[in-house]
Structure formats: C-alpha cells, structure tokens
Amino acid sequence: MRSGITTIKQHADEAEREIVPEHYGALLAYTDVPLPDRFLELIKLRQPDKIPGDLVASSRQELRPKIEAFIETGASKFVVMPLGEPPDWKTEIEALADDLLPLQNSTG
C-alpha cells in the first residue's frame, strides 16, 4: 500500500493534480477455509513476491489487524469481502460491524 500511494502521488504531481488523502483504500478478502487453488494461482501470477496469507485474512478476526496496518500506511477506505458464502449474512455483517466499526475515523 505504501509504495502504491507513493506511486500515485508521483503521478499526480507530474500531472499537477492532487489526490485527497482520504481516497486511498483497499479491497480485503477473508476466508476461514483454505484458499482455492485457482485463487492461489491468481495471487502467484499477479503478485509472485507475496505470500497469500499476507493478502487474504484467514478469518474475519484477522481483518482488523490487517486494516490497522493499512491505516498506518495511509489508507482510509476499505471493502471487506468473504471468499465464500457465510452461513448467515445478517450474523456475518453484524460481526463485521462489531469488529471493524471501532476503526472508523481512526485515520484522523
């Protein structure tokens, strides 16, 4: 994220444009089952230097520390996405809210 933000800022400067700092964000996937082979192949293809576990949270509870790390690098918007169908969406959304809403506005 940090290098991506730096690259975006450099290109914005070259184009004499400004990016509002609150616009940096990430899509974060999570799963509580092993990653499907096809997903592992895509990670290896797109980011061969990355460990899949660094990119995909192995549980909903692992999302918060990943988001906190992204916040430290300058990101402030996040979309979280389960890689599978939760047994009950209402329960899943409520649990995500309990886990993650306390981070709202923690970027200042």
PDB file of N, CA and C in Angstrom:
ATOM      1  N   MET A   1       0.827  -1.182   0.000  1.00  0.00           N
ATOM      2  CA  MET A   1       0.000   0.000   0.000  1.00  0.00           C
ATOM      3  C   MET A   1       0.876   1.251   0.000  1.00  0.00           C
ATOM      4  N   ARG A   2       1.905   1.207   0.823  1.00  0.00           N
ATOM      5  CA  ARG A   2       2.774   2.386   0.931  1.00  0.00           C
ATOM      6  C   ARG A   2       3.400   2.736  -0.419  1.00  0.00           C
ATOM      7  N   SER A   3       3.926   1.740  -1.129  1.00  0.00           N
ATOM      8  CA  SER A   3       4.545   2.035  -2.422  1.00  0.00           C
ATOM      9  C   SER A   3       3.497   2.459  -3.443  1.00  0.00           C
ATOM     10  N   GLY A   4       2.294   1.905  -3.357  1.00  0.00           N
ATOM     11  CA  GLY A   4       1.223   2.308  -4.262  1.00  0.00           C
ATOM     12  C   GLY A   4       0.833   3.756  -4.066  1.00  0.00           C
ATOM     13  N   ILE A   5       0.722   4.175  -2.818  1.00  0.00           N
ATOM     14  CA  ILE A   5       0.381   5.572  -2.523  1.00  0.00           C
ATOM     15  C   ILE A   5       1.484   6.494  -3.036  1.00  0.00           C
ATOM     16  N   THR A   6       2.743   6.102  -2.828  1.00  0.00           N
ATOM     17  CA  THR A   6       3.867   6.908  -3.318  1.00  0.00           C
ATOM     18  C   THR A   6       3.807   7.054  -4.832  1.00  0.00           C
ATOM     19  N   THR A   7       3.541   5.966  -5.527  1.00  0.00           N
ATOM     20  CA  THR A   7       3.450   5.991  -6.994  1.00  0.00           C
ATOM     21  C   THR A   7       2.309   6.889  -7.447  1.00  0.00           C
ATOM     22  N   ILE A   8       1.158   6.769  -6.808  1.00  0.00           N
ATOM     23  CA  ILE A   8       0.001   7.603  -7.171  1.00  0.00           C
ATOM     24  C   ILE A   8       0.329   9.082  -6.960  1.00  0.00           C
ATOM     25  N   LYS A   9       0.955   9.393  -5.838  1.00  0.00           N
ATOM     26  CA  LYS A   9       1.316  10.789  -5.563  1.00  0.00           C
ATOM     27  C   LYS A   9       2.300  11.323  -6.608  1.00  0.00           C
ATOM     28  N   GLN A  10       3.266  10.511  -7.002  1.00  0.00           N
ATOM     29  CA  GLN A  10       4.238  10.941  -8.011  1.00  0.00           C
ATOM     30  C   GLN A  10       3.535  11.251  -9.332  1.00  0.00           C
ATOM     31  N   HIS A  11       2.645  10.369  -9.749  1.00  0.00           N
ATOM     32  CA  HIS A  11       1.921  10.592 -10.999  1.00  0.00           C
ATOM     33  C   HIS A  11       0.987  11.794 -10.894  1.00  0.00           C
ATOM     34  N   ALA A  12       0.380  11.968  -9.751  1.00  0.00           N
ATOM     35  CA  ALA A  12      -0.489  13.131  -9.556  1.00  0.00           C
ATOM     36  C   ALA A  12       0.325  14.417  -9.628  1.00  0.00           C
ATOM     37  N   ASP A  13       1.494  14.421  -8.994  1.00  0.00           N
ATOM     38  CA  ASP A  13       2.366  15.598  -9.054  1.00  0.00           C
ATOM     39  C   ASP A  13       2.781  15.909 -10.490  1.00  0.00           C
ATOM     40  N   GLU A  14       3.143  14.876 -11.234  1.00  0.00           N
ATOM     41  CA  GLU A  14       3.546  15.063 -12.629  1.00  0.00           C
ATOM     42  C   GLU A  14       2.400  15.642 -13.465  1.00  0.00           C
ATOM     43  N   ALA A  15       1.179  15.267 -13.121  1.00  0.00           N
ATOM     44  CA  ALA A  15       0.003  15.765 -13.851  1.00  0.00           C
ATOM     45  C   ALA A  15      -0.558  17.045 -13.228  1.00  0.00           C
ATOM     46  N   GLU A  16       0.171  17.555 -12.220  1.00  0.00           N
ATOM     47  CA  GLU A  16      -0.266  18.749 -11.493  1.00  0.00           C
ATOM     48  C   GLU A  16      -1.681  18.575 -10.937  1.00  0.00           C
ATOM     49  N   ARG A  17      -1.882  17.406 -10.363  1.00  0.00           N
ATOM     50  CA  ARG A  17      -3.162  17.072  -9.744  1.00  0.00           C
ATOM     51  C   ARG A  17      -2.910  16.732  -8.285  1.00  0.00           C
ATOM     52  N   GLU A  18      -3.969  16.783  -7.506  1.00  0.00           N
ATOM     53  CA  GLU A  18      -3.854  16.430  -6.096  1.00  0.00           C
ATOM     54  C   GLU A  18      -4.863  15.343  -5.775  1.00  0.00           C
ATOM     55  N   ILE A  19      -4.433  14.363  -5.031  1.00  0.00           N
ATOM     56  CA  ILE A  19      -5.311  13.293  -4.564  1.00  0.00           C
ATOM     57  C   ILE A  19      -5.607  13.564  -3.089  1.00  0.00           C
ATOM     58  N   VAL A  20      -6.869  13.611  -2.748  1.00  0.00           N
ATOM     59  CA  VAL A  20      -7.258  13.801  -1.355  1.00  0.00           C
ATOM     60  C   VAL A  20      -6.802  12.561  -0.572  1.00  0.00           C
ATOM     61  N   PRO A  21      -6.077  12.737   0.510  1.00  0.00           N
ATOM     62  CA  PRO A  21      -5.530  11.591   1.247  1.00  0.00           C
ATOM     63  C   PRO A  21      -6.571  10.562   1.681  1.00  0.00           C
ATOM     64  N   GLU A  22      -7.799  10.977   1.881  1.00  0.00           N
ATOM     65  CA  GLU A  22      -8.840  10.047   2.325  1.00  0.00           C
ATOM     66  C   GLU A  22      -9.324   9.119   1.215  1.00  0.00           C
ATOM     67  N   HIS A  23      -8.755   9.219   0.023  1.00  0.00           N
ATOM     68  CA  HIS A  23      -9.205   8.384  -1.086  1.00  0.00           C
ATOM     69  C   HIS A  23      -8.422   7.090  -1.257  1.00  0.00           C
ATOM     70  N   TYR A  24      -7.414   6.867  -0.463  1.00  0.00           N
ATOM     71  CA  TYR A  24      -6.630   5.645  -0.598  1.00  0.00           C
ATOM     72  C   TYR A  24      -7.304   4.517   0.174  1.00  0.00           C
ATOM     73  N   GLY A  25      -7.506   3.396  -0.503  1.00  0.00           N
ATOM     74  CA  GLY A  25      -8.182   2.295   0.153  1.00  0.00           C
ATOM     75  C   GLY A  25      -7.788   0.957  -0.433  1.00  0.00           C
ATOM     76  N   ALA A  26      -8.417  -0.087   0.090  1.00  0.00           N
ATOM     77  CA  ALA A  26      -8.069  -1.438  -0.342  1.00  0.00           C
ATOM     78  C   ALA A  26      -9.275  -2.357  -0.238  1.00  0.00           C
ATOM     79  N   LEU A  27      -9.272  -3.352  -1.088  1.00  0.00           N
ATOM     80  CA  LEU A  27     -10.224  -4.454  -1.029  1.00  0.00           C
ATOM     81  C   LEU A  27      -9.538  -5.570  -0.250  1.00  0.00           C
ATOM     82  N   LEU A  28     -10.181  -6.029   0.810  1.00  0.00           N
ATOM     83  CA  LEU A  28      -9.587  -7.070   1.650  1.00  0.00           C
ATOM     84  C   LEU A  28     -10.492  -8.293   1.675  1.00  0.00           C
ATOM     85  N   ALA A  29      -9.953  -9.392   1.206  1.00  0.00           N
ATOM     86  CA  ALA A  29     -10.696 -10.648   1.217  1.00  0.00           C
ATOM     87  C   ALA A  29     -10.364 -11.423   2.488  1.00  0.00           C
ATOM     88  N   TYR A  30     -11.320 -12.247   2.898  1.00  0.00           N
ATOM     89  CA  TYR A  30     -11.071 -13.123   4.040  1.00  0.00           C
ATOM     90  C   TYR A  30     -11.803 -14.445   3.834  1.00  0.00           C
ATOM     91  N   THR A  31     -11.284 -15.472   4.482  1.00  0.00           N
ATOM     92  CA  THR A  31     -11.870 -16.799   4.377  1.00  0.00           C
ATOM     93  C   THR A  31     -11.502 -17.593   5.618  1.00  0.00           C
ATOM     94  N   ASP A  32     -12.337 -18.523   5.980  1.00  0.00           N
ATOM     95  CA  ASP A  32     -11.996 -19.395   7.110  1.00  0.00           C
ATOM     96  C   ASP A  32     -11.749 -20.827   6.631  1.00  0.00           C
ATOM     97  N   VAL A  33     -11.617 -20.980   5.331  1.00  0.00           N
ATOM     98  CA  VAL A  33     -11.266 -22.278   4.733  1.00  0.00           C
ATOM     99  C   VAL A  33     -10.017 -22.071   3.873  1.00  0.00           C
ATOM    100  N   PRO A  34      -9.312 -23.136   3.532  1.00  0.00           N
ATOM    101  CA  PRO A  34      -8.128 -22.969   2.677  1.00  0.00           C
ATOM    102  C   PRO A  34      -8.488 -22.273   1.363  1.00  0.00           C
ATOM    103  N   LEU A  35      -7.571 -21.451   0.886  1.00  0.00           N
ATOM    104  CA  LEU A  35      -7.804 -20.746  -0.370  1.00  0.00           C
ATOM    105  C   LEU A  35      -7.905 -21.735  -1.524  1.00  0.00           C
ATOM    106  N   PRO A  36      -8.875 -21.527  -2.403  1.00  0.00           N
ATOM    107  CA  PRO A  36      -8.980 -22.399  -3.574  1.00  0.00           C
ATOM    108  C   PRO A  36      -7.727 -22.299  -4.441  1.00  0.00           C
ATOM    109  N   ASP A  37      -7.371 -23.392  -5.100  1.00  0.00           N
ATOM    110  CA  ASP A  37      -6.178 -23.425  -5.946  1.00  0.00           C
ATOM    111  C   ASP A  37      -6.195 -22.312  -6.980  1.00  0.00           C
ATOM    112  N   ARG A  38      -7.344 -22.057  -7.590  1.00  0.00           N
ATOM    113  CA  ARG A  38      -7.422 -21.015  -8.627  1.00  0.00           C
ATOM    114  C   ARG A  38      -7.065 -19.649  -8.043  1.00  0.00           C
ATOM    115  N   PHE A  39      -7.500 -19.376  -6.844  1.00  0.00           N
ATOM    116  CA  PHE A  39      -7.193 -18.106  -6.196  1.00  0.00           C
ATOM    117  C   PHE A  39      -5.698 -18.017  -5.898  1.00  0.00           C
ATOM    118  N   LEU A  40      -5.108 -19.115  -5.428  1.00  0.00           N
ATOM    119  CA  LEU A  40      -3.666 -19.146  -5.174  1.00  0.00           C
ATOM    120  C   LEU A  40      -2.883 -18.896  -6.460  1.00  0.00           C
ATOM    121  N   GLU A  41      -3.357 -19.469  -7.571  1.00  0.00           N
ATOM    122  CA  GLU A  41      -2.706 -19.257  -8.869  1.00  0.00           C
ATOM    123  C   GLU A  41      -2.759 -17.784  -9.273  1.00  0.00           C
ATOM    124  N   LEU A  42      -3.905 -17.149  -9.045  1.00  0.00           N
ATOM    125  CA  LEU A  42      -4.038 -15.734  -9.394  1.00  0.00           C
ATOM    126  C   LEU A  42      -3.113 -14.862  -8.563  1.00  0.00           C
ATOM    127  N   ILE A  43      -2.999 -15.163  -7.286  1.00  0.00           N
ATOM    128  CA  ILE A  43      -2.089 -14.404  -6.432  1.00  0.00           C
ATOM    129  C   ILE A  43      -0.657 -14.566  -6.937  1.00  0.00           C
ATOM    130  N   LYS A  44      -0.272 -15.801  -7.223  1.00  0.00           N
ATOM    131  CA  LYS A  44       1.090 -16.062  -7.703  1.00  0.00           C
ATOM    132  C   LYS A  44       1.349 -15.345  -9.027  1.00  0.00           C
ATOM    133  N   LEU A  45       0.356 -15.304  -9.898  1.00  0.00           N
ATOM    134  CA  LEU A  45       0.501 -14.643 -11.183  1.00  0.00           C
ATOM    135  C   LEU A  45       0.618 -13.129 -11.034  1.00  0.00           C
ATOM    136  N   ARG A  46      -0.244 -12.542 -10.223  1.00  0.00           N
ATOM    137  CA  ARG A  46      -0.301 -11.081 -10.106  1.00  0.00           C
ATOM    138  C   ARG A  46       0.727 -10.510  -9.135  1.00  0.00           C
ATOM    139  N   GLN A  47       1.019 -11.257  -8.075  1.00  0.00           N
ATOM    140  CA  GLN A  47       1.961 -10.758  -7.071  1.00  0.00           C
ATOM    141  C   GLN A  47       2.858 -11.904  -6.606  1.00  0.00           C
ATOM    142  N   PRO A  48       3.748 -12.344  -7.469  1.00  0.00           N
ATOM    143  CA  PRO A  48       4.561 -13.532  -7.161  1.00  0.00           C
ATOM    144  C   PRO A  48       5.444 -13.398  -5.930  1.00  0.00           C
ATOM    145  N   ASP A  49       5.735 -12.173  -5.517  1.00  0.00           N
ATOM    146  CA  ASP A  49       6.598 -11.974  -4.358  1.00  0.00           C
ATOM    147  C   ASP A  49       5.824 -11.966  -3.038  1.00  0.00           C
ATOM    148  N   LYS A  50       4.518 -12.146  -3.103  1.00  0.00           N
ATOM    149  CA  LYS A  50       3.680 -12.083  -1.898  1.00  0.00           C
ATOM    150  C   LYS A  50       3.288 -13.471  -1.423  1.00  0.00           C
ATOM    151  N   ILE A  51       3.114 -13.585  -0.133  1.00  0.00           N
ATOM    152  CA  ILE A  51       2.602 -14.803   0.488  1.00  0.00           C
ATOM    153  C   ILE A  51       1.083 -14.642   0.556  1.00  0.00           C
ATOM    154  N   PRO A  52       0.314 -15.619   0.069  1.00  0.00           N
ATOM    155  CA  PRO A  52      -1.145 -15.464   0.058  1.00  0.00           C
ATOM    156  C   PRO A  52      -1.739 -15.057   1.412  1.00  0.00           C
ATOM    157  N   GLY A  53      -1.191 -15.591   2.494  1.00  0.00           N
ATOM    158  CA  GLY A  53      -1.703 -15.242   3.818  1.00  0.00           C
ATOM    159  C   GLY A  53      -1.489 -13.782   4.188  1.00  0.00           C
ATOM    160  N   ASP A  54      -0.549 -13.127   3.502  1.00  0.00           N
ATOM    161  CA  ASP A  54      -0.349 -11.695   3.737  1.00  0.00           C
ATOM    162  C   ASP A  54      -1.417 -10.873   3.025  1.00  0.00           C
ATOM    163  N   LEU A  55      -2.031 -11.462   2.008  1.00  0.00           N
ATOM    164  CA  LEU A  55      -3.013 -10.739   1.201  1.00  0.00           C
ATOM    165  C   LEU A  55      -4.455 -11.070   1.566  1.00  0.00           C
ATOM    166  N   VAL A  56      -4.680 -12.277   2.057  1.00  0.00           N
ATOM    167  CA  VAL A  56      -6.033 -12.716   2.382  1.00  0.00           C
ATOM    168  C   VAL A  56      -6.073 -13.126   3.851  1.00  0.00           C
ATOM    169  N   ALA A  57      -6.966 -12.509   4.594  1.00  0.00           N
ATOM    170  CA  ALA A  57      -7.110 -12.847   6.010  1.00  0.00           C
ATOM    171  C   ALA A  57      -7.665 -14.266   6.136  1.00  0.00           C
ATOM    172  N   SER A  58      -7.118 -15.034   7.070  1.00  0.00           N
ATOM    173  CA  SER A  58      -7.561 -16.414   7.235  1.00  0.00           C
ATOM    174  C   SER A  58      -8.792 -16.538   8.122  1.00  0.00           C
ATOM    175  N   SER A  59      -9.319 -15.390   8.549  1.00  0.00           N
ATOM    176  CA  SER A  59     -10.567 -15.374   9.327  1.00  0.00           C
ATOM    177  C   SER A  59     -11.080 -13.938   9.370  1.00  0.00           C
ATOM    178  N   ARG A  60     -12.316 -13.807   9.742  1.00  0.00           N
ATOM    179  CA  ARG A  60     -12.885 -12.463   9.905  1.00  0.00           C
ATOM    180  C   ARG A  60     -12.112 -11.698  10.989  1.00  0.00           C
ATOM    181  N   GLN A  61     -11.704 -12.400  12.042  1.00  0.00           N
ATOM    182  CA  GLN A  61     -10.993 -11.755  13.148  1.00  0.00           C
ATOM    183  C   GLN A  61      -9.628 -11.233  12.728  1.00  0.00           C
ATOM    184  N   GLU A  62      -9.062 -11.779  11.670  1.00  0.00           N
ATOM    185  CA  GLU A  62      -7.753 -11.335  11.202  1.00  0.00           C
ATOM    186  C   GLU A  62      -7.842 -10.055  10.363  1.00  0.00           C
ATOM    187  N   LEU A  63      -9.051  -9.650  10.008  1.00  0.00           N
ATOM    188  CA  LEU A  63      -9.212  -8.436   9.205  1.00  0.00           C
ATOM    189  C   LEU A  63      -8.751  -7.186   9.944  1.00  0.00           C
ATOM    190  N   ARG A  64      -9.114  -7.075  11.205  1.00  0.00           N
ATOM    191  CA  ARG A  64      -8.804  -5.850  11.945  1.00  0.00           C
ATOM    192  C   ARG A  64      -7.312  -5.525  11.953  1.00  0.00           C
ATOM    193  N   PRO A  65      -6.432  -6.476  12.321  1.00  0.00           N
ATOM    194  CA  PRO A  65      -5.006  -6.127  12.289  1.00  0.00           C
ATOM    195  C   PRO A  65      -4.508  -5.774  10.887  1.00  0.00           C
ATOM    196  N   LYS A  66      -5.063  -6.412   9.867  1.00  0.00           N
ATOM    197  CA  LYS A  66      -4.664  -6.065   8.501  1.00  0.00           C
ATOM    198  C   LYS A  66      -5.107  -4.644   8.168  1.00  0.00           C
ATOM    199  N   ILE A  67      -6.322  -4.284   8.548  1.00  0.00           N
ATOM    200  CA  ILE A  67      -6.807  -2.927   8.294  1.00  0.00           C
ATOM    201  C   ILE A  67      -5.990  -1.919   9.088  1.00  0.00           C
ATOM    202  N   GLU A  68      -5.675  -2.228  10.333  1.00  0.00           N
ATOM    203  CA  GLU A  68      -4.855  -1.315  11.136  1.00  0.00           C
ATOM    204  C   GLU A  68      -3.498  -1.072  10.474  1.00  0.00           C
ATOM    205  N   ALA A  69      -2.918  -2.126   9.900  1.00  0.00           N
ATOM    206  CA  ALA A  69      -1.636  -1.973   9.206  1.00  0.00           C
ATOM    207  C   ALA A  69      -1.799  -1.083   7.973  1.00  0.00           C
ATOM    208  N   PHE A  70      -2.888  -1.240   7.242  1.00  0.00           N
ATOM    209  CA  PHE A  70      -3.146  -0.386   6.082  1.00  0.00           C
ATOM    210  C   PHE A  70      -3.350   1.066   6.513  1.00  0.00           C
ATOM    211  N   ILE A  71      -4.033   1.286   7.619  1.00  0.00           N
ATOM    212  CA  ILE A  71      -4.255   2.647   8.121  1.00  0.00           C
ATOM    213  C   ILE A  71      -2.908   3.312   8.416  1.00  0.00           C
ATOM    214  N   GLU A  72      -1.986   2.540   8.989  1.00  0.00           N
ATOM    215  CA  GLU A  72      -0.663   3.081   9.296  1.00  0.00           C
ATOM    216  C   GLU A  72       0.089   3.540   8.046  1.00  0.00           C
ATOM    217  N   THR A  73      -0.227   2.950   6.899  1.00  0.00           N
ATOM    218  CA  THR A  73       0.455   3.325   5.661  1.00  0.00           C
ATOM    219  C   THR A  73      -0.256   4.444   4.914  1.00  0.00           C
ATOM    220  N   GLY A  74      -1.433   4.867   5.410  1.00  0.00           N
ATOM    221  CA  GLY A  74      -2.124   5.980   4.774  1.00  0.00           C
ATOM    222  C   GLY A  74      -3.458   5.651   4.143  1.00  0.00           C
ATOM    223  N   ALA A  75      -3.895   4.408   4.181  1.00  0.00           N
ATOM    224  CA  ALA A  75      -5.199   4.046   3.618  1.00  0.00           C
ATOM    225  C   ALA A  75      -6.307   4.391   4.612  1.00  0.00           C
ATOM    226  N   SER A  76      -7.481   4.689   4.076  1.00  0.00           N
ATOM    227  CA  SER A  76      -8.587   5.036   4.975  1.00  0.00           C
ATOM    228  C   SER A  76      -9.934   4.477   4.530  1.00  0.00           C
ATOM    229  N   LYS A  77      -9.993   3.826   3.392  1.00  0.00           N
ATOM    230  CA  LYS A  77     -11.247   3.239   2.907  1.00  0.00           C
ATOM    231  C   LYS A  77     -11.019   1.762   2.642  1.00  0.00           C
ATOM    232  N   PHE A  78     -11.992   0.954   3.042  1.00  0.00           N
ATOM    233  CA  PHE A  78     -11.827  -0.487   2.914  1.00  0.00           C
ATOM    234  C   PHE A  78     -13.124  -1.155   2.513  1.00  0.00           C
ATOM    235  N   VAL A  79     -12.994  -2.136   1.658  1.00  0.00           N
ATOM    236  CA  VAL A  79     -14.095  -3.016   1.304  1.00  0.00           C
ATOM    237  C   VAL A  79     -13.645  -4.406   1.749  1.00  0.00           C
ATOM    238  N   VAL A  80     -14.446  -5.054   2.593  1.00  0.00           N
ATOM    239  CA  VAL A  80     -14.114  -6.408   3.025  1.00  0.00           C
ATOM    240  C   VAL A  80     -15.064  -7.379   2.331  1.00  0.00           C
ATOM    241  N   MET A  81     -14.501  -8.524   1.958  1.00  0.00           N
ATOM    242  CA  MET A  81     -15.260  -9.455   1.144  1.00  0.00           C
ATOM    243  C   MET A  81     -14.942 -10.893   1.559  1.00  0.00           C
ATOM    244  N   PRO A  82     -15.958 -11.631   1.976  1.00  0.00           N
ATOM    245  CA  PRO A  82     -15.689 -13.044   2.245  1.00  0.00           C
ATOM    246  C   PRO A  82     -15.494 -13.786   0.927  1.00  0.00           C
ATOM    247  N   LEU A  83     -14.598 -14.747   0.905  1.00  0.00           N
ATOM    248  CA  LEU A  83     -14.372 -15.529  -0.308  1.00  0.00           C
ATOM    249  C   LEU A  83     -15.358 -16.678  -0.452  1.00  0.00           C
ATOM    250  N   GLY A  84     -16.176 -16.855   0.535  1.00  0.00           N
ATOM    251  CA  GLY A  84     -17.215 -17.885   0.474  1.00  0.00           C
ATOM    252  C   GLY A  84     -18.524 -17.322   0.989  1.00  0.00           C
ATOM    253  N   GLU A  85     -19.537 -18.103   0.875  1.00  0.00           N
ATOM    254  CA  GLU A  85     -20.866 -17.697   1.324  1.00  0.00           C
ATOM    255  C   GLU A  85     -20.992 -17.926   2.825  1.00  0.00           C
ATOM    256  N   PRO A  86     -21.166 -16.854   3.614  1.00  0.00           N
ATOM    257  CA  PRO A  86     -21.365 -17.053   5.055  1.00  0.00           C
ATOM    258  C   PRO A  86     -22.655 -17.834   5.310  1.00  0.00           C
ATOM    259  N   PRO A  87     -22.697 -18.615   6.389  1.00  0.00           N
ATOM    260  CA  PRO A  87     -23.916 -19.367   6.693  1.00  0.00           C
ATOM    261  C   PRO A  87     -25.127 -18.449   6.898  1.00  0.00           C
ATOM    262  N   ASP A  88     -24.867 -17.262   7.451  1.00  0.00           N
ATOM    263  CA  ASP A  88     -25.948 -16.311   7.705  1.00  0.00           C
ATOM    264  C   ASP A  88     -25.393 -14.898   7.507  1.00  0.00           C
ATOM    265  N   TRP A  89     -25.837 -14.230   6.446  1.00  0.00           N
ATOM    266  CA  TRP A  89     -25.307 -12.901   6.124  1.00  0.00           C
ATOM    267  C   TRP A  89     -25.557 -11.889   7.232  1.00  0.00           C
ATOM    268  N   LYS A  90     -26.724 -11.912   7.832  1.00  0.00           N
ATOM    269  CA  LYS A  90     -27.034 -10.942   8.894  1.00  0.00           C
ATOM    270  C   LYS A  90     -26.046 -11.079  10.048  1.00  0.00           C
ATOM    271  N   THR A  91     -25.804 -12.300  10.465  1.00  0.00           N
ATOM    272  CA  THR A  91     -24.850 -12.545  11.551  1.00  0.00           C
ATOM    273  C   THR A  91     -23.443 -12.110  11.143  1.00  0.00           C
ATOM    274  N   GLU A  92     -23.067 -12.397   9.894  1.00  0.00           N
ATOM    275  CA  GLU A  92     -21.733 -12.030   9.408  1.00  0.00           C
ATOM    276  C   GLU A  92     -21.554 -10.508   9.389  1.00  0.00           C
ATOM    277  N   ILE A  93     -22.538  -9.804   8.863  1.00  0.00           N
ATOM    278  CA  ILE A  93     -22.458  -8.336   8.793  1.00  0.00           C
ATOM    279  C   ILE A  93     -22.418  -7.725  10.186  1.00  0.00           C
ATOM    280  N   GLU A  94     -23.221  -8.251  11.096  1.00  0.00           N
ATOM    281  CA  GLU A  94     -23.205  -7.736  12.471  1.00  0.00           C
ATOM    282  C   GLU A  94     -21.848  -7.974  13.130  1.00  0.00           C
ATOM    283  N   ALA A  95     -21.256  -9.143  12.896  1.00  0.00           N
ATOM    284  CA  ALA A  95     -19.943  -9.443  13.464  1.00  0.00           C
ATOM    285  C   ALA A  95     -18.872  -8.533  12.861  1.00  0.00           C
ATOM    286  N   LEU A  96     -18.955  -8.304  11.547  1.00  0.00           N
ATOM    287  CA  LEU A  96     -18.009  -7.380  10.908  1.00  0.00           C
ATOM    288  C   LEU A  96     -18.144  -5.983  11.499  1.00  0.00           C
ATOM    289  N   ALA A  97     -19.375  -5.541  11.704  1.00  0.00           N
ATOM    290  CA  ALA A  97     -19.597  -4.217  12.286  1.00  0.00           C
ATOM    291  C   ALA A  97     -18.992  -4.143  13.690  1.00  0.00           C
ATOM    292  N   ASP A  98     -19.209  -5.175  14.485  1.00  0.00           N
ATOM    293  CA  ASP A  98     -18.646  -5.187  15.844  1.00  0.00           C
ATOM    294  C   ASP A  98     -17.120  -5.140  15.799  1.00  0.00           C
ATOM    295  N   ASP A  99     -16.533  -5.890  14.877  1.00  0.00           N
ATOM    296  CA  ASP A  99     -15.073  -5.968  14.782  1.00  0.00           C
ATOM    297  C   ASP A  99     -14.439  -4.701  14.208  1.00  0.00           C
ATOM    298  N   LEU A 100     -15.105  -4.106  13.201  1.00  0.00           N
ATOM    299  CA  LEU A 100     -14.442  -3.087  12.400  1.00  0.00           C
ATOM    300  C   LEU A 100     -14.925  -1.660  12.583  1.00  0.00           C
ATOM    301  N   LEU A 101     -16.170  -1.467  12.982  1.00  0.00           N
ATOM    302  CA  LEU A 101     -16.648  -0.088  13.135  1.00  0.00           C
ATOM    303  C   LEU A 101     -15.857   0.732  14.147  1.00  0.00           C
ATOM    304  N   PRO A 102     -15.282   0.122  15.189  1.00  0.00           N
ATOM    305  CA  PRO A 102     -14.452   0.923  16.091  1.00  0.00           C
ATOM    306  C   PRO A 102     -13.259   1.587  15.391  1.00  0.00           C
ATOM    307  N   LEU A 103     -12.868   1.101  14.220  1.00  0.00           N
ATOM    308  CA  LEU A 103     -11.755   1.693  13.474  1.00  0.00           C
ATOM    309  C   LEU A 103     -12.186   2.934  12.693  1.00  0.00           C
ATOM    310  N   GLN A 104     -13.498   3.136  12.563  1.00  0.00           N
ATOM    311  CA  GLN A 104     -13.985   4.268  11.768  1.00  0.00           C
ATOM    312  C   GLN A 104     -13.413   5.570  12.295  1.00  0.00           C
ATOM    313  N   ASN A 105     -12.929   6.378  11.376  1.00  0.00           N
ATOM    314  CA  ASN A 105     -12.353   7.682  11.677  1.00  0.00           C
ATOM    315  C   ASN A 105     -11.064   7.605  12.479  1.00  0.00           C
ATOM    316  N   SER A 106     -10.446   6.420  12.553  1.00  0.00           N
ATOM    317  CA  SER A 106      -9.178   6.321  13.308  1.00  0.00           C
ATOM    318  C   SER A 106      -8.011   6.878  12.517  1.00  0.00           C
ATOM    319  N   THR A 107      -8.274   7.311  11.270  1.00  0.00           N
ATOM    320  CA  THR A 107      -7.195   7.882  10.487  1.00  0.00           C
ATOM    321  C   THR A 107      -7.063   9.380  10.723  1.00  0.00           C
ATOM    322  N   GLY A 108      -7.858   9.908  11.613  1.00  0.00           N
ATOM    323  CA  GLY A 108      -7.730  11.315  11.937  1.00  0.00           C
ATOM    324  C   GLY A 108      -8.723  12.114  11.220  1.00  0.00           C
TER     325      GLY A 108
END
